[in-house]
Amino acid sequence: MRKNEGPTGDLDPRALILEAYRIEGIVAADCRSIFFDWALGVAPGRDMAADAAALLRHYEAEAPEHPMTAVLREGAETPPPRRRGARRR
């Protein structure tokens, strides 16, 4: 089910980020939780950091001090995790 038919619909199909910006009085901890839920829903093979950067570009100008903007900034700047441990055989 696709909830977000707006300009960020491909990046945020469940409208989690969109709705976070609409919640009055939301705090950083709530935004991190919402971001985590959004990240779990990112399709395999997508570049999550690039998607977060695109969402940031969309929302930052209108809401530079919003806690979700700070969370998106962190998500956009975080490199993808690297595999650790021994090489598989």
C-alpha atoms as a PDB file:
ATOM      1  CA  MET A   1       0.000   0.000   0.000  1.00  0.00           C
ATOM      2  CA  ARG A   2       1.396   3.351  -1.021  1.00  0.00           C
ATOM      3  CA  LYS A   3       0.444   6.288   1.178  1.00  0.00           C
ATOM      4  CA  ASN A   4       2.699   9.033  -0.164  1.00  0.00           C
ATOM      5  CA  GLU A   5       1.701  10.211  -3.623  1.00  0.00           C
ATOM      6  CA  GLY A   6       3.676  13.462  -3.349  1.00  0.00           C
ATOM      7  CA  PRO A   7       7.137  14.419  -4.619  1.00  0.00           C
ATOM      8  CA  THR A   8       8.874  12.176  -2.056  1.00  0.00           C
ATOM      9  CA  GLY A   9       6.654   9.157  -2.755  1.00  0.00           C
ATOM     10  CA  ASP A  10       9.427   7.029  -4.271  1.00  0.00           C
ATOM     11  CA  LEU A  11      11.704   7.702  -1.298  1.00  0.00           C
ATOM     12  CA  ASP A  12       9.098   7.547   1.466  1.00  0.00           C
ATOM     13  CA  PRO A  13       6.202   5.409   0.158  1.00  0.00           C
ATOM     14  CA  ARG A  14       4.713   4.817   3.625  1.00  0.00           C
ATOM     15  CA  ALA A  15       4.892   8.588   4.335  1.00  0.00           C
ATOM     16  CA  LEU A  16       6.776   8.066   7.603  1.00  0.00           C
ATOM     17  CA  ILE A  17       9.157  10.974   7.078  1.00  0.00           C
ATOM     18  CA  LEU A  18       6.398  13.167   5.664  1.00  0.00           C
ATOM     19  CA  GLU A  19       4.199  12.577   8.705  1.00  0.00           C
ATOM     20  CA  ALA A  20       7.093  13.176  11.115  1.00  0.00           C
ATOM     21  CA  TYR A  21       7.357  16.711   9.781  1.00  0.00           C
ATOM     22  CA  ARG A  22       3.646  17.211  10.446  1.00  0.00           C
ATOM     23  CA  ILE A  23       3.697  16.082  14.088  1.00  0.00           C
ATOM     24  CA  GLU A  24       3.526  19.067  16.413  1.00  0.00           C
ATOM     25  CA  GLY A  25       6.113  18.966  19.212  1.00  0.00           C
ATOM     26  CA  ILE A  26       7.952  15.879  17.955  1.00  0.00           C
ATOM     27  CA  VAL A  27      11.346  15.302  19.599  1.00  0.00           C
ATOM     28  CA  ALA A  28      14.620  13.880  18.309  1.00  0.00           C
ATOM     29  CA  ALA A  29      14.112  10.470  19.945  1.00  0.00           C
ATOM     30  CA  ASP A  30      10.785  10.067  18.146  1.00  0.00           C
ATOM     31  CA  CYS A  31      12.385  11.130  14.857  1.00  0.00           C
ATOM     32  CA  ARG A  32      15.169   8.553  15.274  1.00  0.00           C
ATOM     33  CA  SER A  33      12.568   5.849  15.883  1.00  0.00           C
ATOM     34  CA  ILE A  34      10.605   6.909  12.794  1.00  0.00           C
ATOM     35  CA  PHE A  35      13.814   7.025  10.734  1.00  0.00           C
ATOM     36  CA  PHE A  36      14.694   3.502  11.885  1.00  0.00           C
ATOM     37  CA  ASP A  37      11.264   2.271  10.829  1.00  0.00           C
ATOM     38  CA  TRP A  38      11.688   4.033   7.473  1.00  0.00           C
ATOM     39  CA  ALA A  39      15.150   2.460   7.040  1.00  0.00           C
ATOM     40  CA  LEU A  40      13.768  -1.016   7.686  1.00  0.00           C
ATOM     41  CA  GLY A  41      11.303  -0.472   4.854  1.00  0.00           C
ATOM     42  CA  VAL A  42      13.863   0.667   2.279  1.00  0.00           C
ATOM     43  CA  ALA A  43      13.864  -1.760  -0.631  1.00  0.00           C
ATOM     44  CA  PRO A  44      16.903  -4.030  -0.904  1.00  0.00           C
ATOM     45  CA  GLY A  45      19.509  -2.657  -3.253  1.00  0.00           C
ATOM     46  CA  ARG A  46      18.555   0.995  -2.708  1.00  0.00           C
ATOM     47  CA  ASP A  47      21.191   3.410  -1.426  1.00  0.00           C
ATOM     48  CA  MET A  48      19.680   4.413   1.913  1.00  0.00           C
ATOM     49  CA  ALA A  49      22.161   7.254   2.480  1.00  0.00           C
ATOM     50  CA  ALA A  50      21.364   8.701  -0.959  1.00  0.00           C
ATOM     51  CA  ASP A  51      17.629   8.411  -0.263  1.00  0.00           C
ATOM     52  CA  ALA A  52      18.079  10.144   3.102  1.00  0.00           C
ATOM     53  CA  ALA A  53      20.080  12.895   1.365  1.00  0.00           C
ATOM     54  CA  ALA A  54      17.311  13.376  -1.196  1.00  0.00           C
ATOM     55  CA  LEU A  55      14.690  13.604   1.568  1.00  0.00           C
ATOM     56  CA  LEU A  56      16.922  16.067   3.390  1.00  0.00           C
ATOM     57  CA  ARG A  57      17.185  18.270   0.280  1.00  0.00           C
ATOM     58  CA  HIS A  58      13.408  18.232   0.006  1.00  0.00           C
ATOM     59  CA  TYR A  59      12.602  19.148   3.634  1.00  0.00           C
ATOM     60  CA  GLU A  60      15.621  21.075   4.936  1.00  0.00           C
ATOM     61  CA  ALA A  61      14.848  24.494   3.435  1.00  0.00           C
ATOM     62  CA  GLU A  62      11.352  24.598   4.933  1.00  0.00           C
ATOM     63  CA  ALA A  63      12.260  23.077   8.308  1.00  0.00           C
ATOM     64  CA  PRO A  64      15.977  23.563   9.047  1.00  0.00           C
ATOM     65  CA  GLU A  65      15.520  23.334  12.832  1.00  0.00           C
ATOM     66  CA  HIS A  66      13.137  20.364  12.837  1.00  0.00           C
ATOM     67  CA  PRO A  67      14.530  17.314  14.680  1.00  0.00           C
ATOM     68  CA  MET A  68      13.831  15.089  11.663  1.00  0.00           C
ATOM     69  CA  THR A  69      16.074  17.330   9.571  1.00  0.00           C
ATOM     70  CA  ALA A  70      18.940  16.597  11.971  1.00  0.00           C
ATOM     71  CA  VAL A  71      18.203  12.859  11.828  1.00  0.00           C
ATOM     72  CA  LEU A  72      18.096  12.894   8.020  1.00  0.00           C
ATOM     73  CA  ARG A  73      21.384  14.806   8.001  1.00  0.00           C
ATOM     74  CA  GLU A  74      22.972  12.058  10.119  1.00  0.00           C
ATOM     75  CA  GLY A  75      21.486   9.348   7.906  1.00  0.00           C
ATOM     76  CA  ALA A  76      22.750  11.020   4.754  1.00  0.00           C
ATOM     77  CA  GLU A  77      26.273  11.367   6.130  1.00  0.00           C
ATOM     78  CA  THR A  78      26.593   7.846   7.535  1.00  0.00           C
ATOM     79  CA  PRO A  79      28.425   5.449   5.242  1.00  0.00           C
ATOM     80  CA  PRO A  80      26.842   2.042   4.669  1.00  0.00           C
ATOM     81  CA  PRO A  81      27.961  -0.681   7.090  1.00  0.00           C
ATOM     82  CA  ARG A  82      30.886  -2.817   6.048  1.00  0.00           C
ATOM     83  CA  ARG A  83      30.914  -6.552   6.499  1.00  0.00           C
ATOM     84  CA  ARG A  84      33.108  -7.673   9.343  1.00  0.00           C
ATOM     85  CA  GLY A  85      34.708 -10.974  10.078  1.00  0.00           C
ATOM     86  CA  ALA A  86      36.411 -13.674   8.131  1.00  0.00           C
ATOM     87  CA  ARG A  87      35.925 -14.213   4.467  1.00  0.00           C
ATOM     88  CA  ARG A  88      33.255 -16.755   3.550  1.00  0.00           C
ATOM     89  CA  ARG A  89      34.341 -19.884   1.797  1.00  0.00           C
END
